[in-house]
Structures are given as C-alpha cells and as structure tokens.
Amino acid sequence: MSKKEQDKKGEEIFERKPWIDKVKGTRVIIIAALLLAVLVAFQIIQGSGNWAQGILWGLIFGVSVFAVYFGMNAFHKWVNKDQNQKKE
C-alpha cells in the first residue's frame, strides 16, 4: 500500500469523541461559574460597598458562563446533526 492510501484509510477510521464526560464537564462548569460569580460579587462589594449591585453582577456573570456553555452545546448539536444521524 502506498503512503497516500494509508493516509486515506486513517482518515476514514477517524471518529470524533469527547475528551471529557458530559456530567464531569457540567460539574466543572458549575464550579467555575460559582467561583467566578463569587469573585465578581466580592470585587464589586469591596470596591463600592453596595451589596445589591455586587450580588446582581455576580449572578449575571455566573449565568452568562452557563449561557455560553449550553449555547455551545446546542450549537454543536445543530452543526453535527447530520454526522450523528449517519452513525445510526
């Protein structure tokens, strides 16, 4: 077999697999979002002394981390929809 034929055979076998389990990834995102929300809230409370504003921005920041994570999951499901149907 030539080098080109071996390369083509290797490309056909290639399968996209996640490198981390979905449950473990969700746990990591939850921990990261909570830590970042607390950090943002602490920084705002420390700087301005306004607890309501600090908690509000902490919540906004934490929710935005979740929005990006679940938005990217939805995007990848939408983009890879045809590939998932071909496997089954």
Protein backbone atom coordinates (compact mmCIF):
# COMPACT_ATOMS: atom_id res chain seq x y z
CA MET A 1 0.00 0.00 0.00
CA SER A 2 1.24 3.48 -0.83
CA LYS A 3 1.58 6.30 1.67
CA LYS A 4 -1.49 8.11 0.21
CA GLU A 5 -3.68 5.02 0.57
CA GLN A 6 -2.60 4.61 4.20
CA ASP A 7 -3.42 8.27 4.91
CA LYS A 8 -6.88 7.88 3.37
CA LYS A 9 -7.53 4.75 5.41
CA GLY A 10 -6.53 6.58 8.60
CA GLU A 11 -8.89 9.44 7.79
CA GLU A 12 -11.84 7.11 7.29
CA ILE A 13 -11.36 5.49 10.71
CA PHE A 14 -11.14 8.86 12.50
CA GLU A 15 -14.07 9.34 14.84
CA ARG A 16 -14.81 12.44 16.90
CA LYS A 17 -15.09 11.57 20.57
CA PRO A 18 -15.36 13.90 23.54
CA TRP A 19 -12.27 14.02 25.73
CA ILE A 20 -14.31 14.58 28.90
CA ASP A 21 -17.59 13.07 30.08
CA LYS A 22 -20.63 15.36 29.80
CA VAL A 23 -21.51 15.01 33.51
CA LYS A 24 -17.96 15.80 34.57
CA GLY A 25 -17.86 18.78 32.21
CA THR A 26 -21.11 20.11 33.64
CA ARG A 27 -19.71 19.79 37.16
CA VAL A 28 -16.59 21.71 36.17
CA ILE A 29 -18.69 24.46 34.59
CA ILE A 30 -20.89 24.69 37.71
CA ILE A 31 -17.86 25.03 39.97
CA ALA A 32 -16.18 27.55 37.65
CA ALA A 33 -19.37 29.61 37.30
CA LEU A 34 -19.94 29.71 41.06
CA LEU A 35 -16.34 30.65 41.80
CA LEU A 36 -16.31 33.39 39.17
CA ALA A 37 -19.69 34.72 40.33
CA VAL A 38 -18.44 34.91 43.92
CA LEU A 39 -15.21 36.58 42.79
CA VAL A 40 -17.06 39.21 40.75
CA ALA A 41 -19.53 39.87 43.56
CA PHE A 42 -16.71 40.17 46.10
CA GLN A 43 -14.77 42.60 43.92
CA ILE A 44 -17.79 44.85 43.38
CA ILE A 45 -18.80 44.76 47.05
CA GLN A 46 -15.24 45.51 48.10
CA GLY A 47 -14.90 48.37 45.62
CA SER A 48 -18.26 50.11 46.00
CA GLY A 49 -19.72 48.72 49.23
CA ASN A 50 -23.07 48.14 47.51
CA TRP A 51 -24.17 44.57 48.31
CA ALA A 52 -27.16 44.55 45.97
CA GLN A 53 -25.10 45.63 42.97
CA GLY A 54 -22.36 43.10 43.80
CA ILE A 55 -24.80 40.21 44.09
CA LEU A 56 -26.60 41.28 40.90
CA TRP A 57 -23.41 41.39 38.83
CA GLY A 58 -22.19 38.14 40.37
CA LEU A 59 -25.42 36.43 39.31
CA ILE A 60 -25.26 37.97 35.84
CA PHE A 61 -21.69 36.77 35.39
CA GLY A 62 -22.43 33.27 36.68
CA VAL A 63 -25.48 32.89 34.44
CA SER A 64 -23.51 34.13 31.44
CA VAL A 65 -20.99 31.30 31.93
CA PHE A 66 -23.87 28.79 31.85
CA ALA A 67 -25.35 30.50 28.78
CA VAL A 68 -22.09 30.17 26.86
CA TYR A 69 -21.66 26.50 27.86
CA PHE A 70 -25.19 25.40 26.99
CA GLY A 71 -25.26 27.65 23.91
CA MET A 72 -22.13 25.99 22.55
CA ASN A 73 -23.59 22.54 23.30
CA ALA A 74 -26.74 23.46 21.36
CA PHE A 75 -24.67 24.90 18.51
CA HIS A 76 -22.56 21.74 18.20
CA LYS A 77 -25.65 19.54 18.27
CA TRP A 78 -27.14 21.66 15.48
CA VAL A 79 -23.97 21.68 13.38
CA ASN A 80 -23.18 17.97 13.85
CA LYS A 81 -26.78 16.81 13.43
CA ASP A 82 -26.11 15.18 10.05
CA GLN A 83 -22.99 13.35 11.30
CA ASN A 84 -24.88 11.90 14.27
CA GLN A 85 -27.68 10.60 12.01
CA LYS A 86 -25.19 8.88 9.65
CA LYS A 87 -23.73 6.82 12.51
CA GLU A 88 -27.09 5.34 13.46
